[in-house]
Amino acid sequence: MPVPMLRLAGFYFAYYAALGAFTPYWSLYLQSQGMGVAA
């Protein structure tokens, strides 16, 4: 694999890994800020 392709693959891996680790707790954060489900 060429270097630019590896960089892009690494970026997407890190992006979606962070998104996958962060997303489950987003609703809990919003609830702690006083926002309901409809917000």
N, C-alpha and C. Protein backbone atom coordinates (compact mmCIF):
# COMPACT_ATOMS: atom_id res chain seq x y z
N MET A 1 0.83 -1.19 0.00
CA MET A 1 0.00 0.00 0.00
C MET A 1 0.87 1.25 0.00
N PRO A 2 0.55 2.21 -0.83
CA PRO A 2 1.29 3.47 -0.80
C PRO A 2 1.04 4.23 0.50
N VAL A 3 1.96 5.10 0.84
CA VAL A 3 1.89 5.84 2.11
C VAL A 3 0.63 6.70 2.22
N PRO A 4 0.22 7.45 1.18
CA PRO A 4 -1.01 8.25 1.34
C PRO A 4 -2.24 7.39 1.64
N MET A 5 -2.28 6.20 1.06
CA MET A 5 -3.41 5.32 1.31
C MET A 5 -3.39 4.81 2.75
N LEU A 6 -2.22 4.54 3.27
CA LEU A 6 -2.11 4.10 4.66
C LEU A 6 -2.51 5.22 5.62
N ARG A 7 -2.13 6.44 5.29
CA ARG A 7 -2.52 7.58 6.13
C ARG A 7 -4.03 7.75 6.15
N LEU A 8 -4.64 7.64 4.98
CA LEU A 8 -6.09 7.78 4.90
C LEU A 8 -6.78 6.64 5.65
N ALA A 9 -6.29 5.43 5.52
CA ALA A 9 -6.86 4.30 6.24
C ALA A 9 -6.70 4.48 7.74
N GLY A 10 -5.56 4.97 8.17
CA GLY A 10 -5.34 5.23 9.59
C GLY A 10 -6.24 6.31 10.12
N PHE A 11 -6.46 7.35 9.32
CA PHE A 11 -7.36 8.41 9.73
C PHE A 11 -8.78 7.89 9.90
N TYR A 12 -9.27 7.14 8.93
CA TYR A 12 -10.63 6.62 9.03
C TYR A 12 -10.77 5.64 10.17
N PHE A 13 -9.75 4.83 10.42
CA PHE A 13 -9.80 3.91 11.55
C PHE A 13 -9.90 4.68 12.86
N ALA A 14 -9.07 5.69 13.03
CA ALA A 14 -9.09 6.47 14.27
C ALA A 14 -10.40 7.24 14.41
N TYR A 15 -10.90 7.78 13.31
CA TYR A 15 -12.15 8.55 13.35
C TYR A 15 -13.31 7.67 13.79
N TYR A 16 -13.47 6.52 13.15
CA TYR A 16 -14.60 5.67 13.49
C TYR A 16 -14.41 4.95 14.81
N ALA A 17 -13.19 4.70 15.23
CA ALA A 17 -12.95 4.13 16.55
C ALA A 17 -13.35 5.13 17.63
N ALA A 18 -12.98 6.39 17.45
CA ALA A 18 -13.36 7.42 18.42
C ALA A 18 -14.87 7.63 18.41
N LEU A 19 -15.46 7.65 17.23
CA LEU A 19 -16.91 7.81 17.13
C LEU A 19 -17.63 6.65 17.79
N GLY A 20 -17.15 5.45 17.59
CA GLY A 20 -17.77 4.27 18.20
C GLY A 20 -17.60 4.24 19.70
N ALA A 21 -16.52 4.79 20.21
CA ALA A 21 -16.31 4.83 21.66
C ALA A 21 -17.10 5.95 22.31
N PHE A 22 -17.37 7.02 21.57
CA PHE A 22 -18.03 8.20 22.11
C PHE A 22 -19.55 8.14 22.01
N THR A 23 -20.07 7.59 20.93
CA THR A 23 -21.50 7.61 20.64
C THR A 23 -22.38 7.00 21.73
N PRO A 24 -22.03 5.86 22.33
CA PRO A 24 -22.93 5.29 23.34
C PRO A 24 -23.17 6.19 24.55
N TYR A 25 -22.25 7.09 24.82
CA TYR A 25 -22.37 7.94 26.00
C TYR A 25 -22.94 9.32 25.69
N TRP A 26 -23.22 9.62 24.44
CA TRP A 26 -23.73 10.93 24.06
C TRP A 26 -25.09 11.19 24.69
N SER A 27 -25.98 10.20 24.68
CA SER A 27 -27.30 10.40 25.27
C SER A 27 -27.21 10.60 26.77
N LEU A 28 -26.30 9.92 27.43
CA LEU A 28 -26.12 10.11 28.87
C LEU A 28 -25.63 11.52 29.17
N TYR A 29 -24.74 12.02 28.34
CA TYR A 29 -24.26 13.39 28.52
C TYR A 29 -25.40 14.39 28.35
N LEU A 30 -26.19 14.20 27.32
CA LEU A 30 -27.30 15.12 27.08
C LEU A 30 -28.30 15.07 28.23
N GLN A 31 -28.56 13.89 28.77
CA GLN A 31 -29.47 13.78 29.91
C GLN A 31 -28.90 14.50 31.12
N SER A 32 -27.60 14.41 31.33
CA SER A 32 -26.99 15.08 32.47
C SER A 32 -27.04 16.60 32.33
N GLN A 33 -27.16 17.07 31.09
CA GLN A 33 -27.27 18.51 30.84
C GLN A 33 -28.71 18.99 30.90
N GLY A 34 -29.63 18.08 31.19
CA GLY A 34 -31.03 18.44 31.34
C GLY A 34 -31.84 18.39 30.07
N MET A 35 -31.31 17.78 29.04
CA MET A 35 -32.04 17.67 27.78
C MET A 35 -32.78 16.34 27.74
N GLY A 36 -33.97 16.36 27.21
CA GLY A 36 -34.77 15.16 27.12
C GLY A 36 -34.46 14.37 25.86
N VAL A 37 -35.25 13.34 25.64
CA VAL A 37 -35.05 12.49 24.48
C VAL A 37 -35.39 13.24 23.19
N ALA A 38 -36.37 14.12 23.25
CA ALA A 38 -36.81 14.83 22.05
C ALA A 38 -35.85 15.96 21.66
N ALA A 39 -34.94 16.34 22.52
CA ALA A 39 -34.07 17.48 22.24
C ALA A 39 -33.00 17.12 21.24
